[in-house]
Amino acid sequence: MKILFLIVLAFTLTACNENARNVETTVIIESIDDHSHQAPNGGVLTEIGDHSASLEWLIEDGQFTLYIFDGCAEKPIRVAQEKLTISVMDEQEKELVLVPVTNKLTGEKPGDSNTFYAEVANLSKENISSLSVKAVTIQGMDYKNINLKVK
């Protein structure tokens, strides 16, 4: 919708001033190229595939949580996995096994959840230098060794 508004605005201004065409065209191109999404839960968001899914992670209250969303990070995508394995590098390499969140309100349960977690002691976001999801299947697509953004 924002892009459509900018296009209409560009054509309107072009009718008034020939110099406006170049300025507005540049704005439209920058708007299209500046495509980013916000992490819904305040974590760190990584887009995977060709804008087909997003993974968001965060550490809060001694818990590492990973969320799976669509490419725009707006709609949760449930996966059938019973667990996810994450490699974490902070002071040393660790492996976390995340289990699905069970939620009666949303109906999420093992094998049908978009949220996975693990209890973590002595792990802070600031000390993590790399994160990698070993394997996940999202909407029929298999992803392996997904490097997540850490900042």
N, C-alpha and C. Protein backbone atom coordinates (compact mmCIF):
# COMPACT_ATOMS: atom_id res chain seq x y z
N MET A 1 0.82 -1.18 0.00
CA MET A 1 0.00 0.00 0.00
C MET A 1 0.87 1.25 0.00
N LYS A 2 1.96 1.23 0.79
CA LYS A 2 2.86 2.37 0.87
C LYS A 2 3.52 2.61 -0.48
N ILE A 3 3.90 1.53 -1.15
CA ILE A 3 4.55 1.66 -2.45
C ILE A 3 3.58 2.23 -3.48
N LEU A 4 2.33 1.78 -3.46
CA LEU A 4 1.31 2.31 -4.37
C LEU A 4 1.12 3.80 -4.14
N PHE A 5 1.08 4.22 -2.89
CA PHE A 5 0.94 5.64 -2.56
C PHE A 5 2.11 6.43 -3.13
N LEU A 6 3.33 5.89 -2.98
CA LEU A 6 4.52 6.59 -3.49
C LEU A 6 4.50 6.70 -5.01
N ILE A 7 4.00 5.67 -5.68
CA ILE A 7 3.92 5.72 -7.14
C ILE A 7 2.93 6.78 -7.58
N VAL A 8 1.76 6.81 -6.95
CA VAL A 8 0.76 7.82 -7.28
C VAL A 8 1.32 9.22 -7.00
N LEU A 9 1.99 9.38 -5.88
CA LEU A 9 2.59 10.67 -5.53
C LEU A 9 3.63 11.08 -6.57
N ALA A 10 4.43 10.15 -7.03
CA ALA A 10 5.47 10.45 -8.03
C ALA A 10 4.84 10.95 -9.32
N PHE A 11 3.79 10.30 -9.79
CA PHE A 11 3.15 10.74 -11.02
C PHE A 11 2.47 12.09 -10.85
N THR A 12 1.91 12.34 -9.69
CA THR A 12 1.26 13.62 -9.42
C THR A 12 2.29 14.74 -9.44
N LEU A 13 3.39 14.56 -8.78
CA LEU A 13 4.43 15.58 -8.73
C LEU A 13 5.10 15.78 -10.08
N THR A 14 5.19 14.74 -10.85
CA THR A 14 5.80 14.82 -12.18
C THR A 14 5.00 15.76 -13.07
N ALA A 15 3.70 15.76 -12.95
CA ALA A 15 2.86 16.63 -13.75
C ALA A 15 3.13 18.10 -13.42
N CYS A 16 3.54 18.38 -12.19
CA CYS A 16 3.79 19.76 -11.77
C CYS A 16 5.22 20.21 -12.05
N ASN A 17 6.18 19.29 -12.00
CA ASN A 17 7.57 19.71 -12.09
C ASN A 17 8.39 18.57 -12.68
N GLU A 18 9.09 18.82 -13.78
CA GLU A 18 9.90 17.80 -14.44
C GLU A 18 11.01 17.28 -13.55
N ASN A 19 11.61 18.13 -12.69
CA ASN A 19 12.69 17.69 -11.80
C ASN A 19 12.18 16.73 -10.72
N ALA A 20 10.93 16.80 -10.39
CA ALA A 20 10.38 15.94 -9.34
C ALA A 20 10.40 14.47 -9.76
N ARG A 21 10.34 14.20 -11.07
CA ARG A 21 10.31 12.81 -11.54
C ARG A 21 11.53 12.04 -11.03
N ASN A 22 12.71 12.57 -11.19
CA ASN A 22 13.92 11.87 -10.77
C ASN A 22 13.97 11.70 -9.25
N VAL A 23 13.57 12.69 -8.51
CA VAL A 23 13.60 12.61 -7.05
C VAL A 23 12.63 11.54 -6.57
N GLU A 24 11.39 11.56 -7.05
CA GLU A 24 10.40 10.61 -6.59
C GLU A 24 10.70 9.19 -7.04
N THR A 25 11.25 9.03 -8.24
CA THR A 25 11.63 7.69 -8.70
C THR A 25 12.68 7.10 -7.79
N THR A 26 13.63 7.92 -7.37
CA THR A 26 14.66 7.46 -6.45
C THR A 26 14.04 7.02 -5.13
N VAL A 27 13.09 7.76 -4.61
CA VAL A 27 12.43 7.41 -3.36
C VAL A 27 11.72 6.07 -3.49
N ILE A 28 11.03 5.86 -4.60
CA ILE A 28 10.31 4.60 -4.81
C ILE A 28 11.29 3.43 -4.86
N ILE A 29 12.38 3.56 -5.57
CA ILE A 29 13.35 2.48 -5.65
C ILE A 29 13.94 2.19 -4.29
N GLU A 30 14.27 3.22 -3.52
CA GLU A 30 14.80 3.01 -2.19
C GLU A 30 13.77 2.33 -1.29
N SER A 31 12.50 2.69 -1.44
CA SER A 31 11.46 2.08 -0.64
C SER A 31 11.34 0.59 -0.93
N ILE A 32 11.44 0.21 -2.18
CA ILE A 32 11.35 -1.20 -2.55
C ILE A 32 12.57 -1.95 -2.03
N ASP A 33 13.78 -1.36 -2.17
CA ASP A 33 15.01 -2.04 -1.74
C ASP A 33 15.13 -2.10 -0.23
N ASP A 34 14.56 -1.16 0.48
CA ASP A 34 14.66 -1.11 1.94
C ASP A 34 13.56 -1.96 2.56
N HIS A 35 13.66 -3.26 2.35
CA HIS A 35 12.63 -4.20 2.78
C HIS A 35 13.10 -4.89 4.05
N SER A 36 12.49 -4.56 5.17
CA SER A 36 12.88 -5.21 6.42
C SER A 36 11.64 -5.44 7.27
N HIS A 37 11.80 -6.32 8.25
CA HIS A 37 10.69 -6.66 9.13
C HIS A 37 11.14 -6.56 10.58
N GLN A 38 10.21 -6.36 11.45
CA GLN A 38 10.49 -6.28 12.88
C GLN A 38 10.22 -7.63 13.52
N ALA A 39 11.05 -7.96 14.49
CA ALA A 39 10.85 -9.19 15.25
C ALA A 39 9.63 -9.00 16.16
N PRO A 40 8.60 -9.81 16.01
CA PRO A 40 7.35 -9.63 16.77
C PRO A 40 7.50 -9.70 18.29
N ASN A 41 8.49 -10.45 18.77
CA ASN A 41 8.65 -10.63 20.22
C ASN A 41 9.84 -9.89 20.79
N GLY A 42 10.44 -9.01 19.98
CA GLY A 42 11.57 -8.22 20.44
C GLY A 42 12.90 -8.94 20.40
N GLY A 43 12.95 -10.08 19.70
CA GLY A 43 14.19 -10.85 19.60
C GLY A 43 14.99 -10.46 18.38
N VAL A 44 15.79 -11.40 17.89
CA VAL A 44 16.62 -11.20 16.71
C VAL A 44 16.02 -12.04 15.58
N LEU A 45 15.77 -11.38 14.45
CA LEU A 45 15.04 -12.00 13.35
C LEU A 45 15.99 -12.35 12.20
N THR A 46 15.84 -13.55 11.65
CA THR A 46 16.61 -13.98 10.49
C THR A 46 15.64 -14.50 9.44
N GLU A 47 15.72 -13.97 8.23
CA GLU A 47 14.91 -14.45 7.12
C GLU A 47 15.60 -15.67 6.52
N ILE A 48 14.83 -16.69 6.18
CA ILE A 48 15.42 -17.88 5.56
C ILE A 48 14.68 -18.20 4.26
N GLY A 49 15.35 -18.98 3.43
CA GLY A 49 14.76 -19.30 2.14
C GLY A 49 14.68 -18.03 1.31
N ASP A 50 13.90 -18.04 0.29
CA ASP A 50 13.71 -16.86 -0.54
C ASP A 50 12.49 -16.10 -0.03
N HIS A 51 12.65 -15.52 1.16
CA HIS A 51 11.58 -14.78 1.83
C HIS A 51 10.39 -15.68 2.16
N SER A 52 10.68 -16.97 2.40
CA SER A 52 9.60 -17.91 2.67
C SER A 52 9.31 -18.08 4.16
N ALA A 53 10.29 -17.80 5.00
CA ALA A 53 10.08 -17.95 6.44
C ALA A 53 11.07 -17.06 7.20
N SER A 54 10.78 -16.88 8.47
CA SER A 54 11.65 -16.11 9.36
C SER A 54 11.76 -16.86 10.67
N LEU A 55 12.94 -16.80 11.27
CA LEU A 55 13.16 -17.36 12.59
C LEU A 55 13.54 -16.23 13.53
N GLU A 56 12.89 -16.18 14.67
CA GLU A 56 13.19 -15.17 15.68
C GLU A 56 13.63 -15.89 16.95
N TRP A 57 14.73 -15.42 17.55
CA TRP A 57 15.18 -16.01 18.81
C TRP A 57 15.37 -14.92 19.84
N LEU A 58 15.23 -15.34 21.10
CA LEU A 58 15.52 -14.42 22.20
C LEU A 58 15.81 -15.22 23.46
N ILE A 59 16.52 -14.56 24.36
CA ILE A 59 16.80 -15.14 25.66
C ILE A 59 16.17 -14.22 26.69
N GLU A 60 15.31 -14.81 27.52
CA GLU A 60 14.57 -14.02 28.50
C GLU A 60 14.27 -14.90 29.70
N ASP A 61 14.56 -14.39 30.88
CA ASP A 61 14.27 -15.11 32.12
C ASP A 61 14.82 -16.54 32.13
N GLY A 62 16.07 -16.70 31.66
CA GLY A 62 16.70 -18.01 31.68
C GLY A 62 16.16 -18.99 30.67
N GLN A 63 15.50 -18.50 29.64
CA GLN A 63 14.91 -19.37 28.63
C GLN A 63 15.30 -18.89 27.23
N PHE A 64 15.78 -19.81 26.40
CA PHE A 64 16.05 -19.53 24.99
C PHE A 64 14.79 -19.93 24.22
N THR A 65 14.24 -18.99 23.45
CA THR A 65 13.01 -19.27 22.70
C THR A 65 13.24 -18.98 21.22
N LEU A 66 12.74 -19.87 20.37
CA LEU A 66 12.81 -19.71 18.92
C LEU A 66 11.40 -19.75 18.36
N TYR A 67 11.06 -18.75 17.55
CA TYR A 67 9.74 -18.66 16.92
C TYR A 67 9.91 -18.83 15.42
N ILE A 68 8.93 -19.46 14.78
CA ILE A 68 8.94 -19.65 13.34
C ILE A 68 7.76 -18.88 12.76
N PHE A 69 8.07 -17.99 11.80
CA PHE A 69 7.06 -17.14 11.16
C PHE A 69 7.15 -17.23 9.65
N ASP A 70 6.17 -16.62 8.99
CA ASP A 70 6.23 -16.49 7.54
C ASP A 70 7.36 -15.51 7.18
N GLY A 71 7.57 -15.28 5.90
CA GLY A 71 8.66 -14.42 5.44
C GLY A 71 8.57 -12.99 5.93
N CYS A 72 7.37 -12.51 6.21
CA CYS A 72 7.19 -11.14 6.70
C CYS A 72 7.17 -11.06 8.22
N ALA A 73 7.36 -12.18 8.88
CA ALA A 73 7.37 -12.26 10.35
C ALA A 73 6.06 -11.77 10.94
N GLU A 74 4.96 -12.09 10.27
CA GLU A 74 3.64 -11.67 10.74
C GLU A 74 2.79 -12.84 11.22
N LYS A 75 2.87 -13.96 10.52
CA LYS A 75 2.01 -15.11 10.83
C LYS A 75 2.86 -16.28 11.31
N PRO A 76 2.48 -16.87 12.44
CA PRO A 76 3.22 -18.05 12.91
C PRO A 76 3.06 -19.22 11.94
N ILE A 77 4.13 -19.96 11.78
CA ILE A 77 4.09 -21.19 10.98
C ILE A 77 4.41 -22.35 11.92
N ARG A 78 3.47 -23.25 12.07
CA ARG A 78 3.68 -24.42 12.91
C ARG A 78 4.43 -25.49 12.13
N VAL A 79 5.29 -26.19 12.85
CA VAL A 79 6.05 -27.28 12.23
C VAL A 79 5.78 -28.56 12.99
N ALA A 80 6.05 -29.67 12.33
CA ALA A 80 5.71 -30.98 12.89
C ALA A 80 6.83 -31.59 13.73
N GLN A 81 7.91 -30.89 13.90
CA GLN A 81 9.05 -31.46 14.62
C GLN A 81 8.81 -31.54 16.12
N GLU A 82 9.36 -32.58 16.71
CA GLU A 82 9.26 -32.80 18.15
C GLU A 82 10.34 -32.04 18.91
N LYS A 83 11.41 -31.62 18.20
CA LYS A 83 12.48 -30.86 18.83
C LYS A 83 13.31 -30.17 17.74
N LEU A 84 14.05 -29.15 18.14
CA LEU A 84 15.01 -28.47 17.27
C LEU A 84 16.34 -28.44 18.00
N THR A 85 17.42 -28.64 17.27
CA THR A 85 18.75 -28.59 17.86
C THR A 85 19.46 -27.35 17.35
N ILE A 86 20.03 -26.60 18.29
CA ILE A 86 20.72 -25.34 17.99
C ILE A 86 22.16 -25.45 18.48
N SER A 87 23.11 -25.04 17.63
CA SER A 87 24.50 -24.90 18.07
C SER A 87 24.71 -23.46 18.49
N VAL A 88 25.25 -23.28 19.67
CA VAL A 88 25.49 -21.94 20.21
C VAL A 88 26.98 -21.81 20.51
N MET A 89 27.56 -20.70 20.07
CA MET A 89 28.95 -20.41 20.41
C MET A 89 28.96 -19.16 21.27
N ASP A 90 29.35 -19.33 22.54
CA ASP A 90 29.61 -18.17 23.39
C ASP A 90 31.05 -18.32 23.86
N GLU A 91 31.29 -18.64 25.08
CA GLU A 91 32.66 -18.89 25.53
C GLU A 91 33.15 -20.24 25.02
N GLN A 92 32.24 -21.14 24.79
CA GLN A 92 32.54 -22.44 24.20
C GLN A 92 31.32 -22.88 23.39
N GLU A 93 31.49 -23.88 22.55
CA GLU A 93 30.37 -24.35 21.75
C GLU A 93 29.45 -25.23 22.60
N LYS A 94 28.15 -24.97 22.47
CA LYS A 94 27.13 -25.73 23.20
C LYS A 94 26.07 -26.17 22.22
N GLU A 95 25.36 -27.20 22.59
CA GLU A 95 24.22 -27.65 21.80
C GLU A 95 22.98 -27.56 22.68
N LEU A 96 21.98 -26.87 22.17
CA LEU A 96 20.70 -26.77 22.88
C LEU A 96 19.66 -27.61 22.14
N VAL A 97 18.87 -28.34 22.90
CA VAL A 97 17.75 -29.07 22.32
C VAL A 97 16.49 -28.33 22.77
N LEU A 98 15.80 -27.76 21.79
CA LEU A 98 14.59 -26.99 22.05
C LEU A 98 13.37 -27.89 21.86
N VAL A 99 12.42 -27.78 22.75
CA VAL A 99 11.18 -28.55 22.66
C VAL A 99 10.03 -27.60 22.34
N PRO A 100 8.98 -28.12 21.73
CA PRO A 100 7.85 -27.27 21.37
C PRO A 100 7.09 -26.77 22.61
N VAL A 101 6.57 -25.57 22.48
CA VAL A 101 5.72 -25.00 23.52
C VAL A 101 4.33 -25.62 23.39
N THR A 102 3.77 -25.99 24.51
CA THR A 102 2.40 -26.46 24.55
C THR A 102 1.53 -25.31 25.04
N ASN A 103 0.48 -25.01 24.29
CA ASN A 103 -0.37 -23.88 24.63
C ASN A 103 -1.83 -24.25 24.36
N LYS A 104 -2.60 -24.42 25.41
CA LYS A 104 -4.01 -24.81 25.26
C LYS A 104 -4.81 -23.74 24.52
N LEU A 105 -4.44 -22.48 24.71
CA LEU A 105 -5.17 -21.38 24.08
C LEU A 105 -5.05 -21.43 22.56
N THR A 106 -3.82 -21.66 22.05
CA THR A 106 -3.62 -21.69 20.60
C THR A 106 -3.72 -23.10 20.02
N GLY A 107 -3.71 -24.11 20.88
CA GLY A 107 -3.77 -25.49 20.41
C GLY A 107 -2.40 -26.05 20.06
N GLU A 108 -1.34 -25.29 20.32
CA GLU A 108 0.00 -25.80 20.01
C GLU A 108 0.36 -26.94 20.94
N LYS A 109 1.06 -27.91 20.37
CA LYS A 109 1.49 -29.09 21.12
C LYS A 109 2.69 -29.68 20.39
N PRO A 110 3.39 -30.63 21.00
CA PRO A 110 4.50 -31.26 20.30
C PRO A 110 4.04 -31.80 18.94
N GLY A 111 4.81 -31.48 17.92
CA GLY A 111 4.45 -31.90 16.57
C GLY A 111 3.53 -30.93 15.85
N ASP A 112 3.16 -29.83 16.51
CA ASP A 112 2.28 -28.82 15.91
C ASP A 112 2.46 -27.50 16.66
N SER A 113 3.65 -26.90 16.50
CA SER A 113 3.95 -25.66 17.22
C SER A 113 4.86 -24.78 16.39
N ASN A 114 4.79 -23.47 16.62
CA ASN A 114 5.73 -22.55 15.98
C ASN A 114 6.74 -22.02 16.99
N THR A 115 6.61 -22.42 18.24
CA THR A 115 7.48 -21.91 19.30
C THR A 115 8.20 -23.06 19.99
N PHE A 116 9.52 -22.91 20.12
CA PHE A 116 10.36 -23.92 20.75
C PHE A 116 11.22 -23.23 21.80
N TYR A 117 11.54 -23.95 22.88
CA TYR A 117 12.32 -23.34 23.94
C TYR A 117 13.22 -24.36 24.64
N ALA A 118 14.20 -23.81 25.36
CA ALA A 118 15.06 -24.60 26.23
C ALA A 118 15.44 -23.72 27.41
N GLU A 119 15.49 -24.33 28.58
CA GLU A 119 15.98 -23.62 29.76
C GLU A 119 17.48 -23.46 29.61
N VAL A 120 17.99 -22.27 29.83
CA VAL A 120 19.43 -22.02 29.70
C VAL A 120 19.94 -21.30 30.93
N ALA A 121 20.95 -21.85 31.52
CA ALA A 121 21.60 -21.20 32.66
C ALA A 121 22.91 -20.60 32.16
N ASN A 122 23.20 -19.42 32.62
CA ASN A 122 24.46 -18.76 32.29
C ASN A 122 24.67 -18.53 30.80
N LEU A 123 23.61 -18.25 30.06
CA LEU A 123 23.73 -17.91 28.65
C LEU A 123 23.08 -16.55 28.45
N SER A 124 23.83 -15.61 27.90
CA SER A 124 23.27 -14.29 27.65
C SER A 124 23.46 -13.91 26.19
N LYS A 125 22.56 -13.13 25.69
CA LYS A 125 22.58 -12.69 24.30
C LYS A 125 23.90 -12.00 23.97
N GLU A 126 24.42 -11.22 24.90
CA GLU A 126 25.63 -10.44 24.67
C GLU A 126 26.86 -11.31 24.42
N ASN A 127 26.89 -12.51 24.98
CA ASN A 127 28.06 -13.38 24.86
C ASN A 127 28.01 -14.32 23.65
N ILE A 128 26.89 -14.36 22.94
CA ILE A 128 26.76 -15.28 21.82
C ILE A 128 27.45 -14.71 20.59
N SER A 129 28.35 -15.50 20.00
CA SER A 129 29.03 -15.06 18.79
C SER A 129 28.47 -15.73 17.53
N SER A 130 27.83 -16.89 17.70
CA SER A 130 27.17 -17.52 16.55
C SER A 130 26.09 -18.49 17.03
N LEU A 131 25.09 -18.65 16.17
CA LEU A 131 23.96 -19.55 16.40
C LEU A 131 23.64 -20.26 15.09
N SER A 132 23.31 -21.53 15.18
CA SER A 132 22.96 -22.27 13.98
C SER A 132 21.90 -23.31 14.31
N VAL A 133 20.83 -23.32 13.52
CA VAL A 133 19.79 -24.35 13.64
C VAL A 133 20.23 -25.52 12.78
N LYS A 134 20.33 -26.70 13.38
CA LYS A 134 20.82 -27.88 12.65
C LYS A 134 19.90 -28.25 11.49
N ALA A 135 18.59 -28.37 11.75
CA ALA A 135 17.65 -28.75 10.68
C ALA A 135 16.23 -28.43 11.10
N VAL A 136 15.45 -27.92 10.15
CA VAL A 136 14.04 -27.67 10.38
C VAL A 136 13.31 -27.81 9.05
N THR A 137 12.10 -28.36 9.10
CA THR A 137 11.26 -28.46 7.91
C THR A 137 10.09 -27.50 8.09
N ILE A 138 10.00 -26.54 7.18
CA ILE A 138 8.96 -25.51 7.24
C ILE A 138 8.17 -25.56 5.95
N GLN A 139 6.90 -25.86 6.06
CA GLN A 139 5.98 -25.95 4.92
C GLN A 139 6.57 -26.79 3.78
N GLY A 140 7.09 -27.96 4.16
CA GLY A 140 7.60 -28.91 3.18
C GLY A 140 9.02 -28.64 2.70
N MET A 141 9.63 -27.56 3.13
CA MET A 141 11.00 -27.23 2.73
C MET A 141 11.96 -27.60 3.86
N ASP A 142 13.01 -28.35 3.52
CA ASP A 142 14.02 -28.73 4.50
C ASP A 142 15.14 -27.71 4.52
N TYR A 143 15.44 -27.18 5.68
CA TYR A 143 16.54 -26.24 5.86
C TYR A 143 17.54 -26.86 6.83
N LYS A 144 18.83 -26.77 6.49
CA LYS A 144 19.87 -27.35 7.33
C LYS A 144 20.94 -26.31 7.60
N ASN A 145 21.50 -26.37 8.81
CA ASN A 145 22.60 -25.49 9.21
C ASN A 145 22.30 -24.02 8.91
N ILE A 146 21.22 -23.54 9.46
CA ILE A 146 20.80 -22.15 9.26
C ILE A 146 21.54 -21.27 10.25
N ASN A 147 22.37 -20.38 9.74
CA ASN A 147 23.07 -19.43 10.59
C ASN A 147 22.13 -18.29 10.93
N LEU A 148 21.88 -18.11 12.21
CA LEU A 148 20.99 -17.04 12.67
C LEU A 148 21.79 -15.78 12.94
N LYS A 149 21.16 -14.64 12.72
CA LYS A 149 21.79 -13.38 13.10
C LYS A 149 21.92 -13.36 14.62
N VAL A 150 23.00 -12.77 15.09
CA VAL A 150 23.19 -12.71 16.54
C VAL A 150 22.98 -11.30 17.09
N LYS A 151 22.94 -10.33 16.28
CA LYS A 151 22.71 -8.94 16.74
C LYS A 151 21.72 -8.25 15.85
